[in-house]
PDB file of N, CA and C in Angstrom:
ATOM      1  N   MET A   1     232.480 -24.285  21.872  1.00  0.00           N
ATOM      2  CA  MET A   1     233.705 -23.969  21.143  1.00  0.00           C
ATOM      3  C   MET A   1     234.144 -22.558  21.514  1.00  0.00           C
ATOM      4  N   PRO A   2     235.394 -22.357  21.925  1.00  0.00           N
ATOM      5  CA  PRO A   2     235.852 -21.036  22.332  1.00  0.00           C
ATOM      6  C   PRO A   2     235.907 -20.066  21.150  1.00  0.00           C
ATOM      7  N   GLU A   3     235.658 -18.811  21.452  1.00  0.00           N
ATOM      8  CA  GLU A   3     235.726 -17.761  20.443  1.00  0.00           C
ATOM      9  C   GLU A   3     237.188 -17.410  20.192  1.00  0.00           C
ATOM     10  N   HIS A   4     237.487 -17.049  18.948  1.00  0.00           N
ATOM     11  CA  HIS A   4     238.857 -16.674  18.597  1.00  0.00           C
ATOM     12  C   HIS A   4     238.929 -15.176  18.359  1.00  0.00           C
ATOM     13  N   PRO A   5     240.026 -14.559  18.753  1.00  0.00           N
ATOM     14  CA  PRO A   5     240.169 -13.113  18.556  1.00  0.00           C
ATOM     15  C   PRO A   5     240.109 -12.740  17.077  1.00  0.00           C
ATOM     16  N   SER A   6     239.538 -11.573  16.806  1.00  0.00           N
ATOM     17  CA  SER A   6     239.575 -11.027  15.447  1.00  0.00           C
ATOM     18  C   SER A   6     240.344  -9.718  15.492  1.00  0.00           C
ATOM     19  N   GLY A   7     240.882  -9.343  14.368  1.00  0.00           N
ATOM     20  CA  GLY A   7     241.672  -8.120  14.307  1.00  0.00           C
ATOM     21  C   GLY A   7     243.143  -8.386  14.547  1.00  0.00           C
ATOM     22  N   GLN A   8     243.866  -7.313  14.721  1.00  0.00           N
ATOM     23  CA  GLN A   8     245.324  -7.356  14.879  1.00  0.00           C
ATOM     24  C   GLN A   8     245.693  -7.224  16.351  1.00  0.00           C
ATOM     25  N   LEU A   9     246.610  -8.052  16.816  1.00  0.00           N
ATOM     26  CA  LEU A   9     247.103  -7.934  18.186  1.00  0.00           C
ATOM     27  C   LEU A   9     247.897  -6.632  18.289  1.00  0.00           C
ATOM     28  N   THR A  10     247.412  -5.705  19.128  1.00  0.00           N
ATOM     29  CA  THR A  10     248.068  -4.400  19.231  1.00  0.00           C
ATOM     30  C   THR A  10     248.597  -4.094  20.624  1.00  0.00           C
ATOM     31  N   LEU A  11     248.242  -4.932  21.624  1.00  0.00           N
ATOM     32  CA  LEU A  11     248.737  -4.685  22.980  1.00  0.00           C
ATOM     33  C   LEU A  11     248.673  -5.971  23.791  1.00  0.00           C
ATOM     34  N   ARG A  12     249.731  -6.212  24.571  1.00  0.00           N
ATOM     35  CA  ARG A  12     249.761  -7.320  25.544  1.00  0.00           C
ATOM     36  C   ARG A  12     250.406  -6.803  26.811  1.00  0.00           C
ATOM     37  N   THR A  13     249.798  -7.134  27.937  1.00  0.00           N
ATOM     38  CA  THR A  13     250.348  -6.722  29.221  1.00  0.00           C
ATOM     39  C   THR A  13     249.877  -7.710  30.290  1.00  0.00           C
ATOM     40  N   ILE A  14     250.480  -7.637  31.436  1.00  0.00           N
ATOM     41  CA  ILE A  14     250.092  -8.504  32.553  1.00  0.00           C
ATOM     42  C   ILE A  14     249.361  -7.658  33.585  1.00  0.00           C
ATOM     43  N   ALA A  15     248.202  -8.131  34.021  1.00  0.00           N
ATOM     44  CA  ALA A  15     247.436  -7.454  35.068  1.00  0.00           C
ATOM     45  C   ALA A  15     248.168  -7.619  36.394  1.00  0.00           C
ATOM     46  N   MET A  16     248.447  -6.489  37.041  1.00  0.00           N
ATOM     47  CA  MET A  16     249.253  -6.488  38.249  1.00  0.00           C
ATOM     48  C   MET A  16     248.420  -6.142  39.488  1.00  0.00           C
ATOM     49  N   PRO A  17     248.914  -6.470  40.676  1.00  0.00           N
ATOM     50  CA  PRO A  17     248.167  -6.192  41.913  1.00  0.00           C
ATOM     51  C   PRO A  17     247.768  -4.725  42.093  1.00  0.00           C
ATOM     52  N   ALA A  18     248.593  -3.792  41.642  1.00  0.00           N
ATOM     53  CA  ALA A  18     248.269  -2.369  41.793  1.00  0.00           C
ATOM     54  C   ALA A  18     247.040  -1.958  40.987  1.00  0.00           C
ATOM     55  N   ASP A  19     246.626  -2.794  40.034  1.00  0.00           N
ATOM     56  CA  ASP A  19     245.481  -2.494  39.174  1.00  0.00           C
ATOM     57  C   ASP A  19     244.202  -3.169  39.655  1.00  0.00           C
ATOM     58  N   ALA A  20     244.248  -3.779  40.838  1.00  0.00           N
ATOM     59  CA  ALA A  20     243.126  -4.591  41.323  1.00  0.00           C
ATOM     60  C   ALA A  20     242.415  -3.957  42.510  1.00  0.00           C
ATOM     61  N   ASN A  21     241.164  -4.384  42.678  1.00  0.00           N
ATOM     62  CA  ASN A  21     240.405  -4.010  43.871  1.00  0.00           C
ATOM     63  C   ASN A  21     240.760  -4.985  44.997  1.00  0.00           C
ATOM     64  N   PRO A  22     240.236  -4.806  46.205  1.00  0.00           N
ATOM     65  CA  PRO A  22     240.592  -5.697  47.322  1.00  0.00           C
ATOM     66  C   PRO A  22     240.239  -7.171  47.104  1.00  0.00           C
ATOM     67  N   ASN A  23     239.341  -7.451  46.164  1.00  0.00           N
ATOM     68  CA  ASN A  23     238.970  -8.845  45.880  1.00  0.00           C
ATOM     69  C   ASN A  23     239.862  -9.506  44.837  1.00  0.00           C
ATOM     70  N   GLY A  24     240.798  -8.755  44.283  1.00  0.00           N
ATOM     71  CA  GLY A  24     241.722  -9.329  43.314  1.00  0.00           C
ATOM     72  C   GLY A  24     241.264  -9.226  41.871  1.00  0.00           C
ATOM     73  N   ASP A  25     240.141  -8.546  41.621  1.00  0.00           N
ATOM     74  CA  ASP A  25     239.674  -8.323  40.251  1.00  0.00           C
ATOM     75  C   ASP A  25     240.244  -7.000  39.760  1.00  0.00           C
ATOM     76  N   ILE A  26     240.602  -6.953  38.497  1.00  0.00           N
ATOM     77  CA  ILE A  26     241.178  -5.742  37.917  1.00  0.00           C
ATOM     78  C   ILE A  26     240.084  -4.699  37.708  1.00  0.00           C
ATOM     79  N   PHE A  27     240.403  -3.442  38.028  1.00  0.00           N
ATOM     80  CA  PHE A  27     239.469  -2.338  37.846  1.00  0.00           C
ATOM     81  C   PHE A  27     239.096  -2.191  36.374  1.00  0.00           C
ATOM     82  N   GLY A  28     237.813  -1.926  36.120  1.00  0.00           N
ATOM     83  CA  GLY A  28     237.337  -1.715  34.757  1.00  0.00           C
ATOM     84  C   GLY A  28     238.013  -0.537  34.083  1.00  0.00           C
ATOM     85  N   GLY A  29     238.321   0.507  34.838  1.00  0.00           N
ATOM     86  CA  GLY A  29     238.982   1.678  34.271  1.00  0.00           C
ATOM     87  C   GLY A  29     240.371   1.358  33.737  1.00  0.00           C
ATOM     88  N   TRP A  30     241.089   0.476  34.414  1.00  0.00           N
ATOM     89  CA  TRP A  30     242.409   0.060  33.933  1.00  0.00           C
ATOM     90  C   TRP A  30     242.262  -0.680  32.609  1.00  0.00           C
ATOM     91  N   LEU A  31     241.272  -1.565  32.558  1.00  0.00           N
ATOM     92  CA  LEU A  31     241.042  -2.351  31.341  1.00  0.00           C
ATOM     93  C   LEU A  31     240.636  -1.441  30.187  1.00  0.00           C
ATOM     94  N   LEU A  32     239.796  -0.462  30.481  1.00  0.00           N
ATOM     95  CA  LEU A  32     239.373   0.499  29.473  1.00  0.00           C
ATOM     96  C   LEU A  32     240.569   1.284  28.925  1.00  0.00           C
ATOM     97  N   ALA A  33     241.484   1.661  29.785  1.00  0.00           N
ATOM     98  CA  ALA A  33     242.687   2.373  29.348  1.00  0.00           C
ATOM     99  C   ALA A  33     243.535   1.515  28.412  1.00  0.00           C
ATOM    100  N   GLN A  34     243.637   0.227  28.703  1.00  0.00           N
ATOM    101  CA  GLN A  34     244.407  -0.671  27.836  1.00  0.00           C
ATOM    102  C   GLN A  34     243.753  -0.765  26.457  1.00  0.00           C
ATOM    103  N   MET A  35     242.421  -0.832  26.447  1.00  0.00           N
ATOM    104  CA  MET A  35     241.691  -0.902  25.177  1.00  0.00           C
ATOM    105  C   MET A  35     241.879   0.373  24.367  1.00  0.00           C
ATOM    106  N   ASP A  36     241.879   1.514  25.049  1.00  0.00           N
ATOM    107  CA  ASP A  36     242.087   2.797  24.376  1.00  0.00           C
ATOM    108  C   ASP A  36     243.477   2.835  23.740  1.00  0.00           C
ATOM    109  N   LEU A  37     244.480   2.398  24.483  1.00  0.00           N
ATOM    110  CA  LEU A  37     245.841   2.338  23.937  1.00  0.00           C
ATOM    111  C   LEU A  37     245.914   1.397  22.732  1.00  0.00           C
ATOM    112  N   ALA A  38     245.283   0.235  22.849  1.00  0.00           N
ATOM    113  CA  ALA A  38     245.314  -0.761  21.773  1.00  0.00           C
ATOM    114  C   ALA A  38     244.674  -0.216  20.499  1.00  0.00           C
ATOM    115  N   GLY A  39     243.527   0.424  20.633  1.00  0.00           N
ATOM    116  CA  GLY A  39     242.855   0.990  19.466  1.00  0.00           C
ATOM    117  C   GLY A  39     243.644   2.130  18.851  1.00  0.00           C
ATOM    118  N   SER A  40     244.335   2.885  19.691  1.00  0.00           N
ATOM    119  CA  SER A  40     245.080   4.042  19.191  1.00  0.00           C
ATOM    120  C   SER A  40     246.250   3.630  18.298  1.00  0.00           C
ATOM    121  N   VAL A  41     246.754   2.422  18.457  1.00  0.00           N
ATOM    122  CA  VAL A  41     247.852   1.945  17.609  1.00  0.00           C
ATOM    123  C   VAL A  41     247.413   1.951  16.146  1.00  0.00           C
ATOM    124  N   LEU A  42     246.246   1.376  15.861  1.00  0.00           N
ATOM    125  CA  LEU A  42     245.746   1.350  14.481  1.00  0.00           C
ATOM    126  C   LEU A  42     245.320   2.734  14.017  1.00  0.00           C
ATOM    127  N   ALA A  43     244.667   3.491  14.909  1.00  0.00           N
ATOM    128  CA  ALA A  43     244.206   4.829  14.542  1.00  0.00           C
ATOM    129  C   ALA A  43     245.385   5.731  14.182  1.00  0.00           C
ATOM    130  N   TYR A  44     246.441   5.677  14.970  1.00  0.00           N
ATOM    131  CA  TYR A  44     247.634   6.491  14.704  1.00  0.00           C
ATOM    132  C   TYR A  44     248.226   6.148  13.342  1.00  0.00           C
ATOM    133  N   ASP A  45     248.337   4.846  13.064  1.00  0.00           N
ATOM    134  CA  ASP A  45     248.888   4.420  11.773  1.00  0.00           C
ATOM    135  C   ASP A  45     248.012   4.899  10.622  1.00  0.00           C
ATOM    136  N   GLN A  46     246.694   4.739  10.748  1.00  0.00           N
ATOM    137  CA  GLN A  46     245.777   5.149   9.690  1.00  0.00           C
ATOM    138  C   GLN A  46     245.813   6.669   9.498  1.00  0.00           C
ATOM    139  N   ALA A  47     245.859   7.407  10.605  1.00  0.00           N
ATOM    140  CA  ALA A  47     245.862   8.873  10.542  1.00  0.00           C
ATOM    141  C   ALA A  47     247.221   9.428  10.130  1.00  0.00           C
ATOM    142  N   ASP A  48     248.225   8.568  10.151  1.00  0.00           N
ATOM    143  CA  ASP A  48     249.595   8.987   9.864  1.00  0.00           C
ATOM    144  C   ASP A  48     250.017  10.119  10.797  1.00  0.00           C
ATOM    145  N   GLY A  49     249.670   9.937  12.078  1.00  0.00           N
ATOM    146  CA  GLY A  49     250.038  10.929  13.074  1.00  0.00           C
ATOM    147  C   GLY A  49     249.088  10.939  14.252  1.00  0.00           C
ATOM    148  N   ARG A  50     249.158  12.010  14.963  1.00  0.00           N
ATOM    149  CA  ARG A  50     248.462  12.147  16.247  1.00  0.00           C
ATOM    150  C   ARG A  50     246.947  11.991  16.135  1.00  0.00           C
ATOM    151  N   VAL A  51     246.381  11.302  17.148  1.00  0.00           N
ATOM    152  CA  VAL A  51     244.936  11.139  17.266  1.00  0.00           C
ATOM    153  C   VAL A  51     244.535  11.397  18.715  1.00  0.00           C
ATOM    154  N   ALA A  52     243.248  11.717  18.898  1.00  0.00           N
ATOM    155  CA  ALA A  52     242.686  11.886  20.236  1.00  0.00           C
ATOM    156  C   ALA A  52     241.422  11.045  20.333  1.00  0.00           C
ATOM    157  N   THR A  53     241.220  10.432  21.480  1.00  0.00           N
ATOM    158  CA  THR A  53     240.012   9.648  21.718  1.00  0.00           C
ATOM    159  C   THR A  53     238.846  10.607  21.911  1.00  0.00           C
ATOM    160  N   ILE A  54     237.750  10.368  21.165  1.00  0.00           N
ATOM    161  CA  ILE A  54     236.579  11.232  21.329  1.00  0.00           C
ATOM    162  C   ILE A  54     235.350  10.477  21.825  1.00  0.00           C
ATOM    163  N   ALA A  55     235.348   9.138  21.710  1.00  0.00           N
ATOM    164  CA  ALA A  55     234.192   8.375  22.191  1.00  0.00           C
ATOM    165  C   ALA A  55     234.579   6.926  22.431  1.00  0.00           C
ATOM    166  N   ILE A  56     233.944   6.359  23.446  1.00  0.00           N
ATOM    167  CA  ILE A  56     234.029   4.926  23.694  1.00  0.00           C
ATOM    168  C   ILE A  56     232.586   4.448  23.782  1.00  0.00           C
ATOM    169  N   ASP A  57     232.189   3.603  22.834  1.00  0.00           N
ATOM    170  CA  ASP A  57     230.800   3.172  22.709  1.00  0.00           C
ATOM    171  C   ASP A  57     230.679   1.660  22.810  1.00  0.00           C
ATOM    172  N   ALA A  58     229.488   1.235  23.117  1.00  0.00           N
ATOM    173  CA  ALA A  58     229.131  -0.187  23.054  1.00  0.00           C
ATOM    174  C   ALA A  58     230.101  -1.060  23.837  1.00  0.00           C
ATOM    175  N   MET A  59     230.534  -0.582  24.987  1.00  0.00           N
ATOM    176  CA  MET A  59     231.477  -1.334  25.802  1.00  0.00           C
ATOM    177  C   MET A  59     230.750  -2.411  26.586  1.00  0.00           C
ATOM    178  N   SER A  60     231.271  -3.616  26.538  1.00  0.00           N
ATOM    179  CA  SER A  60     230.701  -4.723  27.301  1.00  0.00           C
ATOM    180  C   SER A  60     231.795  -5.402  28.099  1.00  0.00           C
ATOM    181  N   PHE A  61     231.565  -5.520  29.406  1.00  0.00           N
ATOM    182  CA  PHE A  61     232.461  -6.296  30.258  1.00  0.00           C
ATOM    183  C   PHE A  61     231.847  -7.680  30.377  1.00  0.00           C
ATOM    184  N   LEU A  62     232.538  -8.681  29.865  1.00  0.00           N
ATOM    185  CA  LEU A  62     231.985 -10.030  29.757  1.00  0.00           C
ATOM    186  C   LEU A  62     232.447 -10.973  30.863  1.00  0.00           C
ATOM    187  N   ALA A  63     233.658 -10.750  31.363  1.00  0.00           N
ATOM    188  CA  ALA A  63     234.226 -11.606  32.406  1.00  0.00           C
ATOM    189  C   ALA A  63     235.293 -10.806  33.141  1.00  0.00           C
ATOM    190  N   PRO A  64     235.555 -11.145  34.406  1.00  0.00           N
ATOM    191  CA  PRO A  64     236.573 -10.399  35.149  1.00  0.00           C
ATOM    192  C   PRO A  64     237.991 -10.721  34.679  1.00  0.00           C
ATOM    193  N   VAL A  65     238.864  -9.747  34.882  1.00  0.00           N
ATOM    194  CA  VAL A  65     240.301  -9.941  34.690  1.00  0.00           C
ATOM    195  C   VAL A  65     240.895 -10.023  36.081  1.00  0.00           C
ATOM    196  N   MET A  66     241.783 -10.977  36.288  1.00  0.00           N
ATOM    197  CA  MET A  66     242.367 -11.191  37.602  1.00  0.00           C
ATOM    198  C   MET A  66     243.864 -10.916  37.599  1.00  0.00           C
ATOM    199  N   VAL A  67     244.392 -10.625  38.753  1.00  0.00           N
ATOM    200  CA  VAL A  67     245.823 -10.395  38.895  1.00  0.00           C
ATOM    201  C   VAL A  67     246.578 -11.590  38.316  1.00  0.00           C
ATOM    202  N   GLY A  68     247.577 -11.291  37.504  1.00  0.00           N
ATOM    203  CA  GLY A  68     248.394 -12.331  36.880  1.00  0.00           C
ATOM    204  C   GLY A  68     247.937 -12.727  35.491  1.00  0.00           C
ATOM    205  N   ASP A  69     246.714 -12.335  35.089  1.00  0.00           N
ATOM    206  CA  ASP A  69     246.242 -12.655  33.739  1.00  0.00           C
ATOM    207  C   ASP A  69     247.094 -11.939  32.702  1.00  0.00           C
ATOM    208  N   LEU A  70     247.349 -12.599  31.592  1.00  0.00           N
ATOM    209  CA  LEU A  70     247.959 -11.971  30.432  1.00  0.00           C
ATOM    210  C   LEU A  70     246.818 -11.359  29.631  1.00  0.00           C
ATOM    211  N   VAL A  71     246.819 -10.052  29.479  1.00  0.00           N
ATOM    212  CA  VAL A  71     245.745  -9.330  28.804  1.00  0.00           C
ATOM    213  C   VAL A  71     246.206  -8.992  27.390  1.00  0.00           C
ATOM    214  N   SER A  72     245.415  -9.400  26.395  1.00  0.00           N
ATOM    215  CA  SER A  72     245.741  -9.162  24.987  1.00  0.00           C
ATOM    216  C   SER A  72     244.585  -8.438  24.323  1.00  0.00           C
ATOM    217  N   CYS A  73     244.896  -7.339  23.651  1.00  0.00           N
ATOM    218  CA  CYS A  73     243.873  -6.548  22.954  1.00  0.00           C
ATOM    219  C   CYS A  73     244.076  -6.666  21.447  1.00  0.00           C
ATOM    220  N   TYR A  74     242.980  -6.926  20.762  1.00  0.00           N
ATOM    221  CA  TYR A  74     242.958  -7.064  19.307  1.00  0.00           C
ATOM    222  C   TYR A  74     242.095  -5.939  18.746  1.00  0.00           C
ATOM    223  N   ALA A  75     242.579  -5.279  17.704  1.00  0.00           N
ATOM    224  CA  ALA A  75     241.860  -4.134  17.162  1.00  0.00           C
ATOM    225  C   ALA A  75     241.729  -4.244  15.656  1.00  0.00           C
ATOM    226  N   GLU A  76     240.613  -3.699  15.148  1.00  0.00           N
ATOM    227  CA  GLU A  76     240.426  -3.597  13.708  1.00  0.00           C
ATOM    228  C   GLU A  76     239.609  -2.351  13.404  1.00  0.00           C
ATOM    229  N   ILE A  77     239.979  -1.682  12.324  1.00  0.00           N
ATOM    230  CA  ILE A  77     239.276  -0.468  11.924  1.00  0.00           C
ATOM    231  C   ILE A  77     237.915  -0.847  11.363  1.00  0.00           C
ATOM    232  N   GLU A  78     236.884  -0.204  11.899  1.00  0.00           N
ATOM    233  CA  GLU A  78     235.505  -0.435  11.449  1.00  0.00           C
ATOM    234  C   GLU A  78     235.065   0.601  10.422  1.00  0.00           C
ATOM    235  N   ARG A  79     235.520   1.856  10.612  1.00  0.00           N
ATOM    236  CA  ARG A  79     235.074   2.920   9.715  1.00  0.00           C
ATOM    237  C   ARG A  79     236.075   4.063   9.734  1.00  0.00           C
ATOM    238  N   ILE A  80     236.268   4.664   8.562  1.00  0.00           N
ATOM    239  CA  ILE A  80     237.112   5.850   8.450  1.00  0.00           C
ATOM    240  C   ILE A  80     236.236   6.979   7.919  1.00  0.00           C
ATOM    241  N   GLY A  81     236.151   8.051   8.704  1.00  0.00           N
ATOM    242  CA  GLY A  81     235.399   9.229   8.288  1.00  0.00           C
ATOM    243  C   GLY A  81     236.338  10.296   7.748  1.00  0.00           C
ATOM    244  N   ASN A  82     235.842  11.526   7.658  1.00  0.00           N
ATOM    245  CA  ASN A  82     236.680  12.624   7.167  1.00  0.00           C
ATOM    246  C   ASN A  82     237.831  12.924   8.119  1.00  0.00           C
ATOM    247  N   THR A  83     237.513  12.989   9.421  1.00  0.00           N
ATOM    248  CA  THR A  83     238.552  13.277  10.422  1.00  0.00           C
ATOM    249  C   THR A  83     238.607  12.201  11.504  1.00  0.00           C
ATOM    250  N   SER A  84     237.704  11.214  11.447  1.00  0.00           N
ATOM    251  CA  SER A  84     237.608  10.229  12.530  1.00  0.00           C
ATOM    252  C   SER A  84     237.877   8.810  12.057  1.00  0.00           C
ATOM    253  N   ILE A  85     238.238   7.983  13.031  1.00  0.00           N
ATOM    254  CA  ILE A  85     238.510   6.562  12.804  1.00  0.00           C
ATOM    255  C   ILE A  85     237.832   5.792  13.926  1.00  0.00           C
ATOM    256  N   ARG A  86     236.969   4.849  13.561  1.00  0.00           N
ATOM    257  CA  ARG A  86     236.260   4.026  14.546  1.00  0.00           C
ATOM    258  C   ARG A  86     236.918   2.652  14.570  1.00  0.00           C
ATOM    259  N   VAL A  87     237.324   2.215  15.767  1.00  0.00           N
ATOM    260  CA  VAL A  87     238.084   0.976  15.922  1.00  0.00           C
ATOM    261  C   VAL A  87     237.351   0.033  16.874  1.00  0.00           C
ATOM    262  N   LYS A  88     237.176  -1.204  16.444  1.00  0.00           N
ATOM    263  CA  LYS A  88     236.619  -2.249  17.312  1.00  0.00           C
ATOM    264  C   LYS A  88     237.782  -2.873  18.073  1.00  0.00           C
ATOM    265  N   VAL A  89     237.621  -2.987  19.391  1.00  0.00           N
ATOM    266  CA  VAL A  89     238.666  -3.580  20.232  1.00  0.00           C
ATOM    267  C   VAL A  89     238.063  -4.736  21.021  1.00  0.00           C
ATOM    268  N   GLU A  90     238.680  -5.892  20.917  1.00  0.00           N
ATOM    269  CA  GLU A  90     238.313  -7.070  21.712  1.00  0.00           C
ATOM    270  C   GLU A  90     239.474  -7.364  22.648  1.00  0.00           C
ATOM    271  N   THR A  91     239.151  -7.691  23.891  1.00  0.00           N
ATOM    272  CA  THR A  91     240.198  -7.982  24.873  1.00  0.00           C
ATOM    273  C   THR A  91     240.009  -9.386  25.419  1.00  0.00           C
ATOM    274  N   TYR A  92     241.113 -10.099  25.498  1.00  0.00           N
ATOM    275  CA  TYR A  92     241.123 -11.476  25.999  1.00  0.00           C
ATOM    276  C   TYR A  92     242.096 -11.562  27.168  1.00  0.00           C
ATOM    277  N   ALA A  93     241.766 -12.403  28.109  1.00  0.00           N
ATOM    278  CA  ALA A  93     242.664 -12.690  29.224  1.00  0.00           C
ATOM    279  C   ALA A  93     243.071 -14.152  29.146  1.00  0.00           C
ATOM    280  N   THR A  94     244.346 -14.387  29.346  1.00  0.00           N
ATOM    281  CA  THR A  94     244.835 -15.758  29.449  1.00  0.00           C
ATOM    282  C   THR A  94     245.081 -16.025  30.919  1.00  0.00           C
ATOM    283  N   ARG A  95     244.313 -16.957  31.464  1.00  0.00           N
ATOM    284  CA  ARG A  95     244.510 -17.371  32.850  1.00  0.00           C
ATOM    285  C   ARG A  95     245.791 -18.190  32.852  1.00  0.00           C
ATOM    286  N   ARG A  96     246.830 -17.638  33.407  1.00  0.00           N
ATOM    287  CA  ARG A  96     248.168 -18.201  33.245  1.00  0.00           C
ATOM    288  C   ARG A  96     248.311 -19.607  33.796  1.00  0.00           C
ATOM    289  N   ALA A  97     247.670 -19.897  34.905  1.00  0.00           N
ATOM    290  CA  ALA A  97     247.815 -21.235  35.484  1.00  0.00           C
ATOM    291  C   ALA A  97     247.153 -22.290  34.604  1.00  0.00           C
ATOM    292  N   GLU A  98     246.004 -21.940  34.007  1.00  0.00           N
ATOM    293  CA  GLU A  98     245.258 -22.910  33.200  1.00  0.00           C
ATOM    294  C   GLU A  98     245.512 -22.761  31.703  1.00  0.00           C
ATOM    295  N   HIS A  99     246.184 -21.690  31.284  1.00  0.00           N
ATOM    296  CA  HIS A  99     246.410 -21.392  29.869  1.00  0.00           C
ATOM    297  C   HIS A  99     245.091 -21.269  29.111  1.00  0.00           C
ATOM    298  N   GLU A 100     244.058 -20.799  29.795  1.00  0.00           N
ATOM    299  CA  GLU A 100     242.730 -20.663  29.205  1.00  0.00           C
ATOM    300  C   GLU A 100     242.541 -19.243  28.678  1.00  0.00           C
ATOM    301  N   LEU A 101     242.118 -19.110  27.427  1.00  0.00           N
ATOM    302  CA  LEU A 101     241.869 -17.820  26.803  1.00  0.00           C
ATOM    303  C   LEU A 101     240.396 -17.476  26.932  1.00  0.00           C
ATOM    304  N   ILE A 102     240.110 -16.306  27.540  1.00  0.00           N
ATOM    305  CA  ILE A 102     238.732 -15.894  27.801  1.00  0.00           C
ATOM    306  C   ILE A 102     238.520 -14.484  27.273  1.00  0.00           C
ATOM    307  N   LYS A 103     237.448 -14.292  26.498  1.00  0.00           N
ATOM    308  CA  LYS A 103     237.105 -12.947  26.044  1.00  0.00           C
ATOM    309  C   LYS A 103     236.515 -12.193  27.225  1.00  0.00           C
ATOM    310  N   VAL A 104     237.115 -11.039  27.558  1.00  0.00           N
ATOM    311  CA  VAL A 104     236.680 -10.311  28.748  1.00  0.00           C
ATOM    312  C   VAL A 104     235.981  -8.986  28.441  1.00  0.00           C
ATOM    313  N   THR A 105     236.308  -8.357  27.317  1.00  0.00           N
ATOM    314  CA  THR A 105     235.620  -7.118  26.934  1.00  0.00           C
ATOM    315  C   THR A 105     235.611  -6.976  25.423  1.00  0.00           C
ATOM    316  N   GLU A 106     234.704  -6.118  24.971  1.00  0.00           N
ATOM    317  CA  GLU A 106     234.710  -5.674  23.588  1.00  0.00           C
ATOM    318  C   GLU A 106     234.056  -4.302  23.552  1.00  0.00           C
ATOM    319  N   GLY A 107     234.434  -3.508  22.576  1.00  0.00           N
ATOM    320  CA  GLY A 107     233.851  -2.183  22.462  1.00  0.00           C
ATOM    321  C   GLY A 107     234.359  -1.456  21.240  1.00  0.00           C
ATOM    322  N   MET A 108     233.794  -0.281  21.018  1.00  0.00           N
ATOM    323  CA  MET A 108     234.165   0.578  19.897  1.00  0.00           C
ATOM    324  C   MET A 108     234.776   1.860  20.448  1.00  0.00           C
ATOM    325  N   VAL A 109     235.889   2.254  19.868  1.00  0.00           N
ATOM    326  CA  VAL A 109     236.558   3.485  20.268  1.00  0.00           C
ATOM    327  C   VAL A 109     236.701   4.355  19.021  1.00  0.00           C
ATOM    328  N   THR A 110     236.331   5.625  19.154  1.00  0.00           N
ATOM    329  CA  THR A 110     236.449   6.556  18.035  1.00  0.00           C
ATOM    330  C   THR A 110     237.535   7.578  18.350  1.00  0.00           C
ATOM    331  N   TYR A 111     238.402   7.770  17.384  1.00  0.00           N
ATOM    332  CA  TYR A 111     239.514   8.714  17.485  1.00  0.00           C
ATOM    333  C   TYR A 111     239.339   9.777  16.405  1.00  0.00           C
ATOM    334  N   VAL A 112     239.870  10.958  16.651  1.00  0.00           N
ATOM    335  CA  VAL A 112     239.903  12.006  15.639  1.00  0.00           C
ATOM    336  C   VAL A 112     241.364  12.345  15.380  1.00  0.00           C
ATOM    337  N   ALA A 113     241.695  12.484  14.098  1.00  0.00           N
ATOM    338  CA  ALA A 113     243.046  12.898  13.729  1.00  0.00           C
ATOM    339  C   ALA A 113     243.189  14.377  14.068  1.00  0.00           C
ATOM    340  N   ILE A 114     244.308  14.730  14.697  1.00  0.00           N
ATOM    341  CA  ILE A 114     244.520  16.127  15.075  1.00  0.00           C
ATOM    342  C   ILE A 114     245.886  16.616  14.587  1.00  0.00           C
ATOM    343  N   ASP A 115     245.953  17.922  14.385  1.00  0.00           N
ATOM    344  CA  ASP A 115     247.204  18.527  13.937  1.00  0.00           C
ATOM    345  C   ASP A 115     248.002  19.029  15.137  1.00  0.00           C
ATOM    346  N   GLU A 116     249.081  19.751  14.866  1.00  0.00           N
ATOM    347  CA  GLU A 116     249.958  20.222  15.947  1.00  0.00           C
ATOM    348  C   GLU A 116     249.279  21.228  16.870  1.00  0.00           C
ATOM    349  N   ASP A 117     248.169  21.823  16.411  1.00  0.00           N
ATOM    350  CA  ASP A 117     247.398  22.748  17.248  1.00  0.00           C
ATOM    351  C   ASP A 117     246.202  22.073  17.921  1.00  0.00           C
ATOM    352  N   ARG A 118     246.172  20.750  17.838  1.00  0.00           N
ATOM    353  CA  ARG A 118     245.102  19.929  18.426  1.00  0.00           C
ATOM    354  C   ARG A 118     243.746  20.177  17.766  1.00  0.00           C
ATOM    355  N   LYS A 119     243.777  20.557  16.520  1.00  0.00           N
ATOM    356  CA  LYS A 119     242.558  20.779  15.735  1.00  0.00           C
ATOM    357  C   LYS A 119     242.357  19.577  14.811  1.00  0.00           C
ATOM    358  N   PRO A 120     241.086  19.187  14.564  1.00  0.00           N
ATOM    359  CA  PRO A 120     240.826  18.059  13.658  1.00  0.00           C
ATOM    360  C   PRO A 120     241.437  18.311  12.270  1.00  0.00           C
ATOM    361  N   ARG A 121     241.911  17.228  11.688  1.00  0.00           N
ATOM    362  CA  ARG A 121     242.477  17.281  10.339  1.00  0.00           C
ATOM    363  C   ARG A 121     241.985  16.066   9.560  1.00  0.00           C
ATOM    364  N   PRO A 122     242.035  16.118   8.235  1.00  0.00           N
ATOM    365  CA  PRO A 122     241.561  14.966   7.444  1.00  0.00           C
ATOM    366  C   PRO A 122     242.399  13.711   7.697  1.00  0.00           C
ATOM    367  N   VAL A 123     241.724  12.563   7.630  1.00  0.00           N
ATOM    368  CA  VAL A 123     242.390  11.266   7.727  1.00  0.00           C
ATOM    369  C   VAL A 123     242.779  10.827   6.312  1.00  0.00           C
ATOM    370  N   PRO A 124     244.047  10.481   6.087  1.00  0.00           N
ATOM    371  CA  PRO A 124     244.431   9.949   4.772  1.00  0.00           C
ATOM    372  C   PRO A 124     243.633   8.681   4.460  1.00  0.00           C
ATOM    373  N   LYS A 125     243.173   8.528   3.264  1.00  0.00           N
ATOM    374  CA  LYS A 125     242.353   7.377   2.865  1.00  0.00           C
ATOM    375  C   LYS A 125     243.159   6.207   2.349  1.00  0.00           C
ATOM    376  N   GLY A 126     244.424   6.394   2.096  1.00  0.00           N
ATOM    377  CA  GLY A 126     245.222   5.351   1.480  1.00  0.00           C
ATOM    378  C   GLY A 126     245.846   4.375   2.370  1.00  0.00           C
TER     379      GLY A 126
END
């Protein structure tokens, strides 16, 4: 039975040839950047403003992403600290020709709320 995404859909994009290695697989760094962007959507909303990525933990690459795949990132807040927000991000690829949904990565991204001087600030709890 296929796994279903958890969390909120925060990013969708198409993997393009410029993001691939010579074998047609998408670079892990590109995928990691998409996950960081996806997690930052929830972190920004929770922080009610600017956030900075401070850690990416427990990252697992489960399957390759290929050129033409529709990449969808789902995020959910795992923990809110005094100045930090930890977000779980799951990424799925839809193989466009087969319409098959495959979980390709998952990981935890931690953001810190920052002020206009780029200094940590408290995260609103509400």
